[in-house]
C-alpha cells in the first residue's frame, strides 16, 4: 500500500530518496483519485517503484510549488527533481508501462 506522507516528510521521503519515487498528488473528495487508489496500491506492492501519496488539501505548499492544478497528478521524481508527470486516471498496464519508460 502506498504511504500517505505529509509536507514535513516530503524532503526525506521524496527529494532525498536515492531511487526514483512516484508521488500521487490526490484529494479525498476527488472521484478519479479514489478510482486510481487501488491501482496505485497494486503497483506499490509490486515493488516497481517507491510510491507515496500526498493530499493536496493538506500539503498546499508542495502542491503549489509543483504546480498541481488537477488531481490526480502522478509525478516521478529522480535525484530530487520532477522528471515526468501525468494527470488523470490511467489503467494499471498504462501506468506500469509509463513508469518502466521513466525509471
N, C-alpha and C. Protein backbone atom coordinates (compact mmCIF):
# COMPACT_ATOMS: atom_id res chain seq x y z
N UNK A 1 0.85 -1.19 0.00
CA UNK A 1 0.00 0.00 0.00
C UNK A 1 0.89 1.25 0.00
N UNK A 2 0.54 2.20 -0.82
CA UNK A 2 1.30 3.44 -0.92
C UNK A 2 1.15 4.25 0.38
N UNK A 3 2.26 4.78 0.85
CA UNK A 3 2.27 5.53 2.10
C UNK A 3 1.80 6.97 1.87
N UNK A 4 0.91 7.44 2.72
CA UNK A 4 0.49 8.84 2.69
C UNK A 4 1.49 9.62 3.53
N UNK A 5 2.08 10.66 2.93
CA UNK A 5 3.06 11.45 3.66
C UNK A 5 2.59 12.90 3.80
N UNK A 6 3.20 13.59 4.75
CA UNK A 6 2.88 15.00 5.00
C UNK A 6 3.94 15.88 4.36
N UNK A 7 3.69 17.18 4.39
CA UNK A 7 4.68 18.12 3.87
C UNK A 7 6.02 17.97 4.58
N UNK A 8 5.98 17.74 5.88
CA UNK A 8 7.23 17.65 6.65
C UNK A 8 8.04 16.40 6.29
N UNK A 9 7.41 15.39 5.73
CA UNK A 9 8.10 14.15 5.34
C UNK A 9 8.58 14.19 3.89
N UNK A 10 8.13 15.16 3.12
CA UNK A 10 8.38 15.18 1.67
C UNK A 10 9.87 15.17 1.32
N UNK A 11 10.65 15.98 1.99
CA UNK A 11 12.07 16.06 1.66
C UNK A 11 12.76 14.70 1.84
N UNK A 12 12.57 14.09 3.00
CA UNK A 12 13.23 12.80 3.28
C UNK A 12 12.67 11.67 2.42
N UNK A 13 11.36 11.63 2.25
CA UNK A 13 10.71 10.52 1.54
C UNK A 13 10.85 10.61 0.02
N UNK A 14 10.98 11.83 -0.51
CA UNK A 14 10.99 12.01 -1.96
C UNK A 14 12.29 12.65 -2.45
N UNK A 15 12.57 13.86 -1.99
CA UNK A 15 13.69 14.61 -2.54
C UNK A 15 15.05 13.99 -2.23
N UNK A 16 15.20 13.39 -1.06
CA UNK A 16 16.49 12.82 -0.68
C UNK A 16 16.55 11.30 -0.84
N UNK A 17 15.49 10.71 -1.35
CA UNK A 17 15.48 9.26 -1.55
C UNK A 17 16.42 8.92 -2.70
N UNK A 18 17.26 7.89 -2.56
CA UNK A 18 18.29 7.61 -3.57
C UNK A 18 17.78 7.03 -4.89
N UNK A 19 16.55 6.57 -4.93
CA UNK A 19 15.99 5.99 -6.15
C UNK A 19 14.78 6.80 -6.59
N UNK A 20 14.29 6.58 -7.83
CA UNK A 20 13.10 7.30 -8.29
C UNK A 20 11.90 7.03 -7.37
N UNK A 21 11.07 8.06 -7.23
CA UNK A 21 9.86 7.98 -6.40
C UNK A 21 8.68 8.50 -7.21
N UNK A 22 7.58 7.79 -7.17
CA UNK A 22 6.34 8.24 -7.80
C UNK A 22 5.48 8.88 -6.71
N UNK A 23 5.10 10.13 -6.92
CA UNK A 23 4.24 10.83 -5.97
C UNK A 23 2.85 10.95 -6.58
N UNK A 24 1.87 10.46 -5.83
CA UNK A 24 0.47 10.55 -6.22
C UNK A 24 -0.13 11.75 -5.48
N UNK A 25 -0.32 12.85 -6.19
CA UNK A 25 -0.99 14.02 -5.62
C UNK A 25 -2.49 13.80 -5.78
N UNK A 26 -3.20 13.74 -4.67
CA UNK A 26 -4.62 13.40 -4.70
C UNK A 26 -5.41 14.28 -3.74
N UNK A 27 -6.74 14.12 -3.78
CA UNK A 27 -7.63 14.77 -2.82
C UNK A 27 -8.70 13.77 -2.42
N UNK A 28 -9.12 13.83 -1.18
CA UNK A 28 -10.10 12.86 -0.68
C UNK A 28 -11.46 13.02 -1.36
N UNK A 29 -11.78 14.22 -1.84
CA UNK A 29 -13.08 14.49 -2.45
C UNK A 29 -13.11 14.16 -3.95
N UNK A 30 -12.00 13.68 -4.51
CA UNK A 30 -11.83 13.50 -5.96
C UNK A 30 -12.19 12.08 -6.40
N UNK A 31 -13.29 11.89 -7.16
CA UNK A 31 -13.66 10.54 -7.61
C UNK A 31 -12.59 9.83 -8.44
N UNK A 32 -11.94 10.50 -9.42
CA UNK A 32 -10.88 9.79 -10.15
C UNK A 32 -9.71 9.38 -9.24
N UNK A 33 -9.45 10.16 -8.20
CA UNK A 33 -8.39 9.81 -7.24
C UNK A 33 -8.76 8.53 -6.50
N UNK A 34 -10.02 8.44 -6.10
CA UNK A 34 -10.49 7.24 -5.39
C UNK A 34 -10.44 6.02 -6.31
N UNK A 35 -10.76 6.22 -7.58
CA UNK A 35 -10.71 5.12 -8.55
C UNK A 35 -9.26 4.67 -8.80
N UNK A 36 -8.34 5.61 -8.75
CA UNK A 36 -6.93 5.32 -9.02
C UNK A 36 -6.24 4.66 -7.82
N UNK A 37 -6.74 4.90 -6.63
CA UNK A 37 -6.08 4.42 -5.39
C UNK A 37 -5.76 2.92 -5.40
N UNK A 38 -6.70 2.03 -5.76
CA UNK A 38 -6.35 0.60 -5.75
C UNK A 38 -5.29 0.25 -6.79
N UNK A 39 -5.28 0.96 -7.92
CA UNK A 39 -4.28 0.74 -8.96
C UNK A 39 -2.90 1.13 -8.42
N UNK A 40 -2.84 2.28 -7.77
CA UNK A 40 -1.58 2.76 -7.18
C UNK A 40 -1.10 1.78 -6.12
N UNK A 41 -2.01 1.28 -5.29
CA UNK A 41 -1.62 0.33 -4.25
C UNK A 41 -1.08 -0.97 -4.86
N UNK A 42 -1.69 -1.45 -5.94
CA UNK A 42 -1.20 -2.67 -6.60
C UNK A 42 0.21 -2.46 -7.14
N UNK A 43 0.44 -1.32 -7.78
CA UNK A 43 1.77 -1.03 -8.33
C UNK A 43 2.77 -0.88 -7.20
N UNK A 44 2.37 -0.24 -6.12
CA UNK A 44 3.24 -0.06 -4.96
C UNK A 44 3.68 -1.42 -4.40
N UNK A 45 2.74 -2.34 -4.30
CA UNK A 45 3.04 -3.66 -3.76
C UNK A 45 3.94 -4.48 -4.68
N UNK A 46 3.96 -4.14 -5.98
CA UNK A 46 4.80 -4.89 -6.92
C UNK A 46 6.28 -4.56 -6.74
N UNK A 47 6.58 -3.44 -6.08
CA UNK A 47 7.98 -3.05 -5.87
C UNK A 47 8.64 -2.41 -7.07
N UNK A 48 7.86 -2.10 -8.08
CA UNK A 48 8.40 -1.48 -9.31
C UNK A 48 9.09 -0.15 -9.00
N UNK A 49 8.48 0.63 -8.13
CA UNK A 49 8.99 1.96 -7.77
C UNK A 49 8.41 2.32 -6.39
N UNK A 50 9.15 3.13 -5.65
CA UNK A 50 8.61 3.62 -4.38
C UNK A 50 7.48 4.60 -4.71
N UNK A 51 6.34 4.45 -4.03
CA UNK A 51 5.20 5.33 -4.27
C UNK A 51 4.76 5.94 -2.94
N UNK A 52 4.57 7.26 -2.96
CA UNK A 52 3.99 7.95 -1.81
C UNK A 52 2.81 8.78 -2.31
N UNK A 53 1.89 9.07 -1.39
CA UNK A 53 0.70 9.84 -1.72
C UNK A 53 0.71 11.13 -0.90
N UNK A 54 0.28 12.21 -1.53
CA UNK A 54 0.18 13.49 -0.83
C UNK A 54 -1.20 14.09 -1.10
N UNK A 55 -1.90 14.39 -0.02
CA UNK A 55 -3.21 15.04 -0.10
C UNK A 55 -2.97 16.53 -0.36
N UNK A 56 -3.39 17.01 -1.53
CA UNK A 56 -3.12 18.40 -1.91
C UNK A 56 -3.81 19.40 -0.99
N UNK A 57 -4.89 19.00 -0.34
CA UNK A 57 -5.56 19.91 0.59
C UNK A 57 -4.79 20.05 1.90
N UNK A 58 -4.02 19.03 2.24
CA UNK A 58 -3.22 19.06 3.46
C UNK A 58 -1.81 19.59 3.20
N UNK A 59 -1.36 19.53 1.96
CA UNK A 59 0.01 19.91 1.61
C UNK A 59 -0.01 21.00 0.53
N UNK A 60 -0.66 22.10 0.86
CA UNK A 60 -0.85 23.19 -0.12
C UNK A 60 0.47 23.79 -0.62
N UNK A 61 1.47 23.88 0.26
CA UNK A 61 2.76 24.46 -0.14
C UNK A 61 3.42 23.61 -1.22
N UNK A 62 3.45 22.31 -1.02
CA UNK A 62 4.07 21.42 -2.00
C UNK A 62 3.25 21.39 -3.29
N UNK A 63 1.94 21.31 -3.17
CA UNK A 63 1.08 21.31 -4.35
C UNK A 63 1.30 22.57 -5.18
N UNK A 64 1.45 23.70 -4.51
CA UNK A 64 1.69 24.96 -5.20
C UNK A 64 3.08 24.98 -5.84
N UNK A 65 4.08 24.53 -5.11
CA UNK A 65 5.46 24.53 -5.61
C UNK A 65 5.58 23.72 -6.90
N UNK A 66 4.89 22.58 -6.96
CA UNK A 66 4.99 21.71 -8.14
C UNK A 66 3.83 21.92 -9.11
N UNK A 67 3.10 23.00 -8.93
CA UNK A 67 2.02 23.43 -9.84
C UNK A 67 0.99 22.32 -10.10
N UNK A 68 0.50 21.76 -9.01
CA UNK A 68 -0.54 20.73 -9.11
C UNK A 68 -1.89 21.43 -9.17
N UNK A 69 -2.46 21.51 -10.37
CA UNK A 69 -3.72 22.20 -10.58
C UNK A 69 -4.89 21.23 -10.74
N UNK A 70 -4.58 19.98 -11.08
CA UNK A 70 -5.61 18.96 -11.27
C UNK A 70 -5.20 17.71 -10.50
N UNK A 71 -6.18 17.00 -9.99
CA UNK A 71 -5.90 15.73 -9.32
C UNK A 71 -6.74 14.64 -9.96
N UNK A 72 -6.23 13.43 -10.02
CA UNK A 72 -4.92 13.02 -9.57
C UNK A 72 -3.81 13.45 -10.53
N UNK A 73 -2.68 13.83 -9.97
CA UNK A 73 -1.46 14.06 -10.75
C UNK A 73 -0.41 13.11 -10.21
N UNK A 74 0.19 12.36 -11.11
CA UNK A 74 1.28 11.46 -10.75
C UNK A 74 2.58 12.09 -11.26
N UNK A 75 3.57 12.18 -10.39
CA UNK A 75 4.83 12.81 -10.75
C UNK A 75 5.99 11.90 -10.31
N UNK A 76 6.89 11.62 -11.24
CA UNK A 76 8.07 10.84 -10.91
C UNK A 76 9.21 11.80 -10.59
N UNK A 77 9.83 11.59 -9.43
CA UNK A 77 10.98 12.38 -9.01
C UNK A 77 12.23 11.52 -9.12
N UNK A 78 13.27 12.09 -9.73
CA UNK A 78 14.57 11.43 -9.83
C UNK A 78 15.61 12.42 -9.33
N UNK A 79 16.50 11.95 -8.48
CA UNK A 79 17.56 12.82 -7.96
C UNK A 79 17.01 14.11 -7.36
N UNK A 80 15.87 14.01 -6.71
CA UNK A 80 15.29 15.16 -6.02
C UNK A 80 14.57 16.15 -6.91
N UNK A 81 14.38 15.80 -8.19
CA UNK A 81 13.71 16.73 -9.11
C UNK A 81 12.61 15.99 -9.87
N UNK A 82 11.54 16.72 -10.22
CA UNK A 82 10.50 16.08 -11.02
C UNK A 82 11.05 15.72 -12.40
N UNK A 83 10.79 14.49 -12.85
CA UNK A 83 11.28 14.11 -14.17
C UNK A 83 10.16 13.94 -15.18
N UNK A 84 8.96 13.57 -14.70
CA UNK A 84 7.82 13.44 -15.62
C UNK A 84 6.54 13.40 -14.79
N UNK A 85 5.43 13.73 -15.45
CA UNK A 85 4.15 13.67 -14.74
C UNK A 85 3.03 13.36 -15.71
N UNK A 86 1.93 12.93 -15.14
CA UNK A 86 0.71 12.70 -15.92
C UNK A 86 -0.48 13.00 -15.03
N UNK A 87 -1.56 13.44 -15.66
CA UNK A 87 -2.76 13.87 -14.93
C UNK A 87 -3.92 12.96 -15.31
N UNK A 88 -4.72 12.62 -14.29
CA UNK A 88 -5.93 11.85 -14.54
C UNK A 88 -5.77 10.37 -14.29
N UNK A 89 -6.87 9.66 -14.45
CA UNK A 89 -6.90 8.21 -14.23
C UNK A 89 -6.24 7.50 -15.39
N UNK A 90 -5.48 6.45 -15.08
CA UNK A 90 -4.92 5.56 -16.09
C UNK A 90 -5.03 4.13 -15.59
N UNK A 91 -5.04 3.20 -16.51
CA UNK A 91 -5.10 1.78 -16.13
C UNK A 91 -3.76 1.34 -15.55
N UNK A 92 -3.77 0.22 -14.86
CA UNK A 92 -2.55 -0.33 -14.28
C UNK A 92 -1.51 -0.59 -15.37
N UNK A 93 -1.92 -1.21 -16.48
CA UNK A 93 -0.97 -1.51 -17.56
C UNK A 93 -0.35 -0.24 -18.12
N UNK A 94 -1.17 0.79 -18.32
CA UNK A 94 -0.68 2.06 -18.86
C UNK A 94 0.32 2.69 -17.89
N UNK A 95 -0.02 2.69 -16.61
CA UNK A 95 0.88 3.28 -15.62
C UNK A 95 2.18 2.50 -15.49
N UNK A 96 2.09 1.19 -15.48
CA UNK A 96 3.32 0.40 -15.38
C UNK A 96 4.23 0.63 -16.57
N UNK A 97 3.67 0.72 -17.77
CA UNK A 97 4.48 0.99 -18.96
C UNK A 97 5.13 2.37 -18.87
N UNK A 98 4.36 3.36 -18.41
CA UNK A 98 4.88 4.73 -18.25
C UNK A 98 6.03 4.72 -17.24
N UNK A 99 5.82 4.09 -16.09
CA UNK A 99 6.86 4.04 -15.06
C UNK A 99 8.11 3.35 -15.60
N UNK A 100 7.93 2.23 -16.25
CA UNK A 100 9.09 1.47 -16.81
C UNK A 100 9.88 2.35 -17.77
N UNK A 101 9.20 3.18 -18.53
CA UNK A 101 9.90 4.01 -19.51
C UNK A 101 10.61 5.19 -18.87
N UNK A 102 10.33 5.48 -17.60
CA UNK A 102 10.88 6.66 -16.95
C UNK A 102 11.93 6.35 -15.87
N UNK A 103 12.00 5.08 -15.45
CA UNK A 103 12.95 4.79 -14.36
C UNK A 103 14.23 4.13 -14.85
